[in-house]
Amino acid sequence: MEVGLNPSRNQVQCRRATGDWSGPNPTSLEQGLDSWLGFLLKDESTFPHIRVVFPTAPFRPYTPLGGERSNVWFDRIDISPRVPEHLETVDSMARELVTLIQQEVSSGVPLSRIIVGGFSMGGAMALHLGYRFLPQLAGVFALSSFLNEKRTIEAKQPNLPPLFMCHGDRDTLVPIKWGRETCDKLSKLGLDTQFHKVTNALHELKKTELKQLYDWVKTRLPPTQDDL
């Protein structure tokens, strides 16, 4: 989705959640999410100088569904913070996404003007991208998201991108305690973090958190002279 005068020099990549739909066709999903955000936030859902991209997770076997195929970014041993991460699928997916992002860099968008983020597993994928593969990014956001306790993001590095997180206080799939612990552990690595509790929210997106996210994005990617 391109909006405004010069959106090609700035970008936000949003990754949706997990296997809550079926079928391998991403086009209608991307258009549906774009339309839903526009309906929910009206004019606040657009940025005059930023291009927003909604890649869709591949259609693959997913262990928590008994091996049935679903649109998921990576496989999981179980939906629990106490199991190891499925690094084989996490890392292979990350390498594919790095290739996608590097194509944008080659077209003229510097890494320092790209934000990645997502909801649930999409947010977890963004955490791996920003803090293991592409630490030069402008920022990372993760909504109702998580890292497992035996996580692979460990080493302290200077100048890591800031992190924005929101989480529903009634989330039963990914409890808010899991999300807050993820944020706290990353903060101890030296990250600039924000964690916002979303009142009376389940494993879902709410207008209040989306407005907070859009305000944060605007602070991370303000217009440059080239965008005016």
C-alpha atoms as a PDB file:
ATOM      1  CA  MET A   1       0.000   0.000   0.000  1.00  0.00           C
ATOM      2  CA  GLU A   2       1.522   3.331  -1.001  1.00  0.00           C
ATOM      3  CA  VAL A   3       0.243   6.631   0.289  1.00  0.00           C
ATOM      4  CA  GLY A   4       1.314  10.227  -0.020  1.00  0.00           C
ATOM      5  CA  LEU A   5       3.948  12.022  -2.018  1.00  0.00           C
ATOM      6  CA  ASN A   6       7.178  10.111  -1.463  1.00  0.00           C
ATOM      7  CA  PRO A   7       6.480   6.882   0.443  1.00  0.00           C
ATOM      8  CA  SER A   8       9.232   4.843  -1.162  1.00  0.00           C
ATOM      9  CA  ARG A   9      11.973   6.131   1.156  1.00  0.00           C
ATOM     10  CA  ASN A  10      10.238   5.026   4.375  1.00  0.00           C
ATOM     11  CA  GLN A  11       8.556   1.755   5.170  1.00  0.00           C
ATOM     12  CA  VAL A  12       6.628  -0.166   7.802  1.00  0.00           C
ATOM     13  CA  GLN A  13       6.334  -3.935   7.369  1.00  0.00           C
ATOM     14  CA  CYS A  14       3.465  -5.493   9.335  1.00  0.00           C
ATOM     15  CA  ARG A  15       3.238  -9.231   9.912  1.00  0.00           C
ATOM     16  CA  ARG A  16      -0.106 -10.711  10.857  1.00  0.00           C
ATOM     17  CA  ALA A  17      -0.572 -13.420  13.432  1.00  0.00           C
ATOM     18  CA  THR A  18      -0.901 -17.167  13.061  1.00  0.00           C
ATOM     19  CA  GLY A  19      -3.197 -19.837  11.731  1.00  0.00           C
ATOM     20  CA  ASP A  20      -6.506 -18.060  12.144  1.00  0.00           C
ATOM     21  CA  TRP A  21      -7.377 -18.336   8.467  1.00  0.00           C
ATOM     22  CA  SER A  22      -6.960 -20.995   5.795  1.00  0.00           C
ATOM     23  CA  GLY A  23      -5.719 -20.982   2.239  1.00  0.00           C
ATOM     24  CA  PRO A  24      -2.496 -19.824   0.602  1.00  0.00           C
ATOM     25  CA  ASN A  25      -3.819 -16.657  -1.086  1.00  0.00           C
ATOM     26  CA  PRO A  26      -2.307 -13.546   0.542  1.00  0.00           C
ATOM     27  CA  THR A  27      -3.824 -10.868  -1.669  1.00  0.00           C
ATOM     28  CA  SER A  28      -7.303 -10.776  -0.143  1.00  0.00           C
ATOM     29  CA  LEU A  29      -5.823 -10.983   3.362  1.00  0.00           C
ATOM     30  CA  GLU A  30      -3.591  -7.983   2.769  1.00  0.00           C
ATOM     31  CA  GLN A  31      -6.421  -5.987   1.248  1.00  0.00           C
ATOM     32  CA  GLY A  32      -8.767  -7.016   4.058  1.00  0.00           C
ATOM     33  CA  LEU A  33      -6.356  -5.956   6.788  1.00  0.00           C
ATOM     34  CA  ASP A  34      -5.668  -2.669   5.028  1.00  0.00           C
ATOM     35  CA  SER A  35      -9.410  -1.970   4.692  1.00  0.00           C
ATOM     36  CA  TRP A  36     -10.096  -2.969   8.309  1.00  0.00           C
ATOM     37  CA  LEU A  37      -7.394  -0.635   9.650  1.00  0.00           C
ATOM     38  CA  GLY A  38      -8.691   2.173   7.478  1.00  0.00           C
ATOM     39  CA  PHE A  39     -12.243   1.640   8.753  1.00  0.00           C
ATOM     40  CA  LEU A  40     -11.102   1.499  12.379  1.00  0.00           C
ATOM     41  CA  LEU A  41      -8.740   4.472  12.411  1.00  0.00           C
ATOM     42  CA  LYS A  42     -10.086   6.572   9.509  1.00  0.00           C
ATOM     43  CA  ASP A  43      -7.501   9.208   8.521  1.00  0.00           C
ATOM     44  CA  GLU A  44      -5.198   8.144  11.352  1.00  0.00           C
ATOM     45  CA  SER A  45      -4.415   4.886   9.524  1.00  0.00           C
ATOM     46  CA  THR A  46      -2.337   6.561   6.813  1.00  0.00           C
ATOM     47  CA  PHE A  47       1.067   8.209   6.746  1.00  0.00           C
ATOM     48  CA  PRO A  48       1.697  10.842   4.050  1.00  0.00           C
ATOM     49  CA  HIS A  49       5.338   9.788   3.669  1.00  0.00           C
ATOM     50  CA  ILE A  50       5.428   6.058   4.514  1.00  0.00           C
ATOM     51  CA  ARG A  51       4.681   2.906   2.531  1.00  0.00           C
ATOM     52  CA  VAL A  52       3.060   0.140   4.585  1.00  0.00           C
ATOM     53  CA  VAL A  53       3.630  -3.472   3.507  1.00  0.00           C
ATOM     54  CA  PHE A  54       1.587  -6.465   4.759  1.00  0.00           C
ATOM     55  CA  PRO A  55       3.457  -9.688   3.917  1.00  0.00           C
ATOM     56  CA  THR A  56       1.584 -12.907   4.679  1.00  0.00           C
ATOM     57  CA  ALA A  57       2.971 -15.979   6.441  1.00  0.00           C
ATOM     58  CA  PRO A  58       3.531 -19.097   4.307  1.00  0.00           C
ATOM     59  CA  PHE A  59       1.035 -21.967   4.270  1.00  0.00           C
ATOM     60  CA  ARG A  60       2.865 -24.712   6.167  1.00  0.00           C
ATOM     61  CA  PRO A  61       2.327 -27.612   8.616  1.00  0.00           C
ATOM     62  CA  TYR A  62       1.820 -26.361  12.179  1.00  0.00           C
ATOM     63  CA  THR A  63       2.488 -28.710  15.102  1.00  0.00           C
ATOM     64  CA  PRO A  64      -0.010 -27.163  17.599  1.00  0.00           C
ATOM     65  CA  LEU A  65      -2.763 -27.930  15.049  1.00  0.00           C
ATOM     66  CA  GLY A  66      -1.722 -31.561  14.832  1.00  0.00           C
ATOM     67  CA  GLY A  67       0.385 -30.923  11.757  1.00  0.00           C
ATOM     68  CA  GLU A  68      -2.417 -29.350   9.729  1.00  0.00           C
ATOM     69  CA  ARG A  69      -1.323 -26.631   7.333  1.00  0.00           C
ATOM     70  CA  SER A  70      -1.892 -23.015   8.283  1.00  0.00           C
ATOM     71  CA  ASN A  71      -0.496 -19.549   7.519  1.00  0.00           C
ATOM     72  CA  VAL A  72       2.213 -19.315  10.183  1.00  0.00           C
ATOM     73  CA  TRP A  73       5.613 -17.644  10.219  1.00  0.00           C
ATOM     74  CA  PHE A  74       7.294 -20.586  11.929  1.00  0.00           C
ATOM     75  CA  ASP A  75       6.456 -23.859  13.624  1.00  0.00           C
ATOM     76  CA  ARG A  76       6.130 -24.247  17.395  1.00  0.00           C
ATOM     77  CA  ILE A  77       6.616 -27.264  19.609  1.00  0.00           C
ATOM     78  CA  ASP A  78       3.771 -26.051  21.821  1.00  0.00           C
ATOM     79  CA  ILE A  79       1.967 -22.813  22.684  1.00  0.00           C
ATOM     80  CA  SER A  80       3.936 -22.275  25.875  1.00  0.00           C
ATOM     81  CA  PRO A  81       6.796 -20.024  26.979  1.00  0.00           C
ATOM     82  CA  ARG A  82       8.594 -22.990  28.544  1.00  0.00           C
ATOM     83  CA  VAL A  83       9.429 -24.954  25.385  1.00  0.00           C
ATOM     84  CA  PRO A  84      12.419 -24.246  23.108  1.00  0.00           C
ATOM     85  CA  GLU A  85      11.835 -22.167  20.031  1.00  0.00           C
ATOM     86  CA  HIS A  86      11.645 -24.025  16.722  1.00  0.00           C
ATOM     87  CA  LEU A  87      14.807 -22.394  15.405  1.00  0.00           C
ATOM     88  CA  GLU A  88      14.923 -24.314  12.143  1.00  0.00           C
ATOM     89  CA  THR A  89      11.738 -22.664  10.879  1.00  0.00           C
ATOM     90  CA  VAL A  90      12.323 -19.351  12.701  1.00  0.00           C
ATOM     91  CA  ASP A  91      15.728 -18.855  11.125  1.00  0.00           C
ATOM     92  CA  SER A  92      14.781 -20.051   7.641  1.00  0.00           C
ATOM     93  CA  MET A  93      11.816 -17.655   7.625  1.00  0.00           C
ATOM     94  CA  ALA A  94      13.977 -14.846   8.943  1.00  0.00           C
ATOM     95  CA  ARG A  95      16.443 -15.324   6.104  1.00  0.00           C
ATOM     96  CA  GLU A  96      13.611 -15.095   3.569  1.00  0.00           C
ATOM     97  CA  LEU A  97      12.338 -11.896   5.173  1.00  0.00           C
ATOM     98  CA  VAL A  98      15.838 -10.427   5.266  1.00  0.00           C
ATOM     99  CA  THR A  99      16.024 -11.024   1.502  1.00  0.00           C
ATOM    100  CA  LEU A 100      12.674  -9.247   1.074  1.00  0.00           C
ATOM    101  CA  ILE A 101      13.849  -6.292   3.148  1.00  0.00           C
ATOM    102  CA  GLN A 102      17.186  -6.112   1.345  1.00  0.00           C
ATOM    103  CA  GLN A 103      15.258  -5.761  -1.909  1.00  0.00           C
ATOM    104  CA  GLU A 104      13.634  -2.659  -0.443  1.00  0.00           C
ATOM    105  CA  VAL A 105      17.065  -1.377   0.606  1.00  0.00           C
ATOM    106  CA  SER A 106      18.327  -1.918  -2.931  1.00  0.00           C
ATOM    107  CA  SER A 107      15.402   0.157  -4.210  1.00  0.00           C
ATOM    108  CA  GLY A 108      16.478   3.111  -2.061  1.00  0.00           C
ATOM    109  CA  VAL A 109      14.951   2.618   1.406  1.00  0.00           C
ATOM    110  CA  PRO A 110      17.725   2.582   4.050  1.00  0.00           C
ATOM    111  CA  LEU A 111      17.411   0.115   6.935  1.00  0.00           C
ATOM    112  CA  SER A 112      17.366   3.090   9.297  1.00  0.00           C
ATOM    113  CA  ARG A 113      14.024   4.102   7.744  1.00  0.00           C
ATOM    114  CA  ILE A 114      12.340   0.686   8.020  1.00  0.00           C
ATOM    115  CA  ILE A 115      10.228  -0.575  10.937  1.00  0.00           C
ATOM    116  CA  VAL A 116       9.095  -4.190  11.260  1.00  0.00           C
ATOM    117  CA  GLY A 117       6.355  -5.508  13.495  1.00  0.00           C
ATOM    118  CA  GLY A 118       3.333  -7.701  13.822  1.00  0.00           C
ATOM    119  CA  PHE A 119       0.653  -9.329  15.913  1.00  0.00           C
ATOM    120  CA  SER A 120       1.168 -12.535  17.934  1.00  0.00           C
ATOM    121  CA  MET A 121       3.544 -14.801  15.959  1.00  0.00           C
ATOM    122  CA  GLY A 122       4.083 -11.951  13.521  1.00  0.00           C
ATOM    123  CA  GLY A 123       5.404  -9.859  16.390  1.00  0.00           C
ATOM    124  CA  ALA A 124       7.628 -12.716  17.556  1.00  0.00           C
ATOM    125  CA  MET A 125       9.043 -12.963  14.032  1.00  0.00           C
ATOM    126  CA  ALA A 126       9.705  -9.217  14.068  1.00  0.00           C
ATOM    127  CA  LEU A 127      11.583  -9.558  17.380  1.00  0.00           C
ATOM    128  CA  HIS A 128      13.919 -12.118  15.847  1.00  0.00           C
ATOM    129  CA  LEU A 129      14.416  -9.953  12.764  1.00  0.00           C
ATOM    130  CA  GLY A 130      15.178  -6.773  14.678  1.00  0.00           C
ATOM    131  CA  TYR A 131      17.379  -8.175  17.412  1.00  0.00           C
ATOM    132  CA  ARG A 132      19.152 -11.090  15.713  1.00  0.00           C
ATOM    133  CA  PHE A 133      19.259 -10.367  11.974  1.00  0.00           C
ATOM    134  CA  LEU A 134      18.753  -6.644  11.234  1.00  0.00           C
ATOM    135  CA  PRO A 135      19.694  -4.524  14.262  1.00  0.00           C
ATOM    136  CA  GLN A 136      20.053  -1.438  12.029  1.00  0.00           C
ATOM    137  CA  LEU A 137      16.261  -1.083  11.699  1.00  0.00           C
ATOM    138  CA  ALA A 138      14.445   2.066  12.849  1.00  0.00           C
ATOM    139  CA  GLY A 139      12.230   0.139  15.263  1.00  0.00           C
ATOM    140  CA  VAL A 140      10.319  -3.021  16.119  1.00  0.00           C
ATOM    141  CA  PHE A 141       6.749  -3.408  17.353  1.00  0.00           C
ATOM    142  CA  ALA A 142       5.095  -6.516  18.760  1.00  0.00           C
ATOM    143  CA  LEU A 143       1.392  -6.671  19.641  1.00  0.00           C
ATOM    144  CA  SER A 144       0.165  -9.525  21.869  1.00  0.00           C
ATOM    145  CA  SER A 145       3.525 -11.148  21.204  1.00  0.00           C
ATOM    146  CA  PHE A 146       6.172 -13.178  22.959  1.00  0.00           C
ATOM    147  CA  LEU A 147       9.528 -14.882  23.086  1.00  0.00           C
ATOM    148  CA  ASN A 148       9.974 -18.235  24.771  1.00  0.00           C
ATOM    149  CA  GLU A 149      11.878 -18.479  28.038  1.00  0.00           C
ATOM    150  CA  LYS A 150      14.696 -20.359  26.296  1.00  0.00           C
ATOM    151  CA  ARG A 151      14.979 -17.539  23.803  1.00  0.00           C
ATOM    152  CA  THR A 152      17.834 -16.968  21.402  1.00  0.00           C
ATOM    153  CA  ILE A 153      18.019 -13.177  21.789  1.00  0.00           C
ATOM    154  CA  GLU A 154      20.668 -12.896  24.474  1.00  0.00           C
ATOM    155  CA  ALA A 155      23.698 -10.821  23.573  1.00  0.00           C
ATOM    156  CA  LYS A 156      23.829  -7.144  24.461  1.00  0.00           C
ATOM    157  CA  GLN A 157      24.592  -4.929  21.476  1.00  0.00           C
ATOM    158  CA  PRO A 158      24.864  -1.155  21.169  1.00  0.00           C
ATOM    159  CA  ASN A 159      22.263   0.868  19.298  1.00  0.00           C
ATOM    160  CA  LEU A 160      19.576  -1.794  18.965  1.00  0.00           C
ATOM    161  CA  PRO A 161      16.250  -0.528  17.575  1.00  0.00           C
ATOM    162  CA  PRO A 162      13.623   0.583  20.118  1.00  0.00           C
ATOM    163  CA  LEU A 163      10.735  -1.745  20.927  1.00  0.00           C
ATOM    164  CA  PHE A 164       7.014  -0.935  21.193  1.00  0.00           C
ATOM    165  CA  MET A 165       4.706  -3.581  22.710  1.00  0.00           C
ATOM    166  CA  CYS A 166       0.995  -3.710  23.569  1.00  0.00           C
ATOM    167  CA  HIS A 167      -0.876  -6.589  25.199  1.00  0.00           C
ATOM    168  CA  GLY A 168      -4.454  -7.273  26.226  1.00  0.00           C
ATOM    169  CA  ASP A 169      -4.968  -7.816  29.953  1.00  0.00           C
ATOM    170  CA  ARG A 170      -7.516 -10.610  29.264  1.00  0.00           C
ATOM    171  CA  ASP A 171      -5.473 -12.476  26.663  1.00  0.00           C
ATOM    172  CA  THR A 172      -5.760 -16.214  27.373  1.00  0.00           C
ATOM    173  CA  LEU A 173      -3.826 -17.503  24.351  1.00  0.00           C
ATOM    174  CA  VAL A 174      -0.708 -15.431  25.084  1.00  0.00           C
ATOM    175  CA  PRO A 175      -1.218 -14.165  28.664  1.00  0.00           C
ATOM    176  CA  ILE A 176      -0.072 -10.623  29.361  1.00  0.00           C
ATOM    177  CA  LYS A 177       2.455 -11.969  31.877  1.00  0.00           C
ATOM    178  CA  TRP A 178       4.236 -13.714  28.997  1.00  0.00           C
ATOM    179  CA  GLY A 179       4.351 -10.526  26.961  1.00  0.00           C
ATOM    180  CA  ARG A 180       5.507  -8.375  29.870  1.00  0.00           C
ATOM    181  CA  GLU A 181       8.279 -10.834  30.760  1.00  0.00           C
ATOM    182  CA  THR A 182       9.441 -10.761  27.137  1.00  0.00           C
ATOM    183  CA  CYS A 183       9.623  -6.973  27.252  1.00  0.00           C
ATOM    184  CA  ASP A 184      11.379  -6.921  30.638  1.00  0.00           C
ATOM    185  CA  LYS A 185      14.045  -9.403  29.535  1.00  0.00           C
ATOM    186  CA  LEU A 186      14.742  -7.444  26.361  1.00  0.00           C
ATOM    187  CA  SER A 187      14.907  -4.227  28.373  1.00  0.00           C
ATOM    188  CA  LYS A 188      17.662  -5.789  30.488  1.00  0.00           C
ATOM    189  CA  LEU A 189      19.687  -6.199  27.288  1.00  0.00           C
ATOM    190  CA  GLY A 190      19.720  -2.431  26.970  1.00  0.00           C
ATOM    191  CA  LEU A 191      16.758  -1.895  24.657  1.00  0.00           C
ATOM    192  CA  ASP A 192      14.620   1.231  24.749  1.00  0.00           C
ATOM    193  CA  THR A 193      11.247  -0.428  25.395  1.00  0.00           C
ATOM    194  CA  GLN A 194       7.615   0.594  25.793  1.00  0.00           C
ATOM    195  CA  PHE A 195       4.970  -1.808  27.125  1.00  0.00           C
ATOM    196  CA  HIS A 196       1.307  -0.810  27.133  1.00  0.00           C
ATOM    197  CA  LYS A 197      -1.441  -2.804  28.816  1.00  0.00           C
ATOM    198  CA  VAL A 198      -4.672  -2.803  26.790  1.00  0.00           C
ATOM    199  CA  THR A 199      -7.611  -2.867  29.180  1.00  0.00           C
ATOM    200  CA  ASN A 200     -10.373  -5.428  28.678  1.00  0.00           C
ATOM    201  CA  ALA A 201      -8.740  -6.923  25.567  1.00  0.00           C
ATOM    202  CA  LEU A 202      -8.360 -10.571  24.600  1.00  0.00           C
ATOM    203  CA  HIS A 203      -5.931 -11.873  21.936  1.00  0.00           C
ATOM    204  CA  GLU A 204      -6.996  -9.143  19.551  1.00  0.00           C
ATOM    205  CA  LEU A 205      -6.224  -5.682  18.239  1.00  0.00           C
ATOM    206  CA  LYS A 206      -7.965  -2.675  19.751  1.00  0.00           C
ATOM    207  CA  LYS A 207      -8.317   0.851  18.406  1.00  0.00           C
ATOM    208  CA  THR A 208      -6.544   2.356  21.430  1.00  0.00           C
ATOM    209  CA  GLU A 209      -3.345   0.350  20.904  1.00  0.00           C
ATOM    210  CA  LEU A 210      -3.354   0.953  17.155  1.00  0.00           C
ATOM    211  CA  LYS A 211      -3.540   4.707  17.751  1.00  0.00           C
ATOM    212  CA  GLN A 212      -0.617   4.440  20.178  1.00  0.00           C
ATOM    213  CA  LEU A 213       1.309   2.415  17.610  1.00  0.00           C
ATOM    214  CA  TYR A 214       0.697   4.916  14.825  1.00  0.00           C
ATOM    215  CA  ASP A 215       1.880   7.766  17.057  1.00  0.00           C
ATOM    216  CA  TRP A 216       5.040   5.784  17.883  1.00  0.00           C
ATOM    217  CA  VAL A 217       5.695   5.044  14.205  1.00  0.00           C
ATOM    218  CA  LYS A 218       5.441   8.730  13.396  1.00  0.00           C
ATOM    219  CA  THR A 219       8.076   9.536  16.035  1.00  0.00           C
ATOM    220  CA  ARG A 220      10.416   6.866  14.631  1.00  0.00           C
ATOM    221  CA  LEU A 221       9.925   7.833  10.981  1.00  0.00           C
ATOM    222  CA  PRO A 222       9.342  11.590  10.833  1.00  0.00           C
ATOM    223  CA  PRO A 223       9.261  13.173   7.386  1.00  0.00           C
ATOM    224  CA  THR A 224      12.637  14.084   5.939  1.00  0.00           C
ATOM    225  CA  GLN A 225      13.344  16.942   3.537  1.00  0.00           C
ATOM    226  CA  ASP A 226      12.992  14.472   0.647  1.00  0.00           C
ATOM    227  CA  ASP A 227       9.442  13.624   1.786  1.00  0.00           C
ATOM    228  CA  LEU A 228       8.191  17.215   1.708  1.00  0.00           C
END
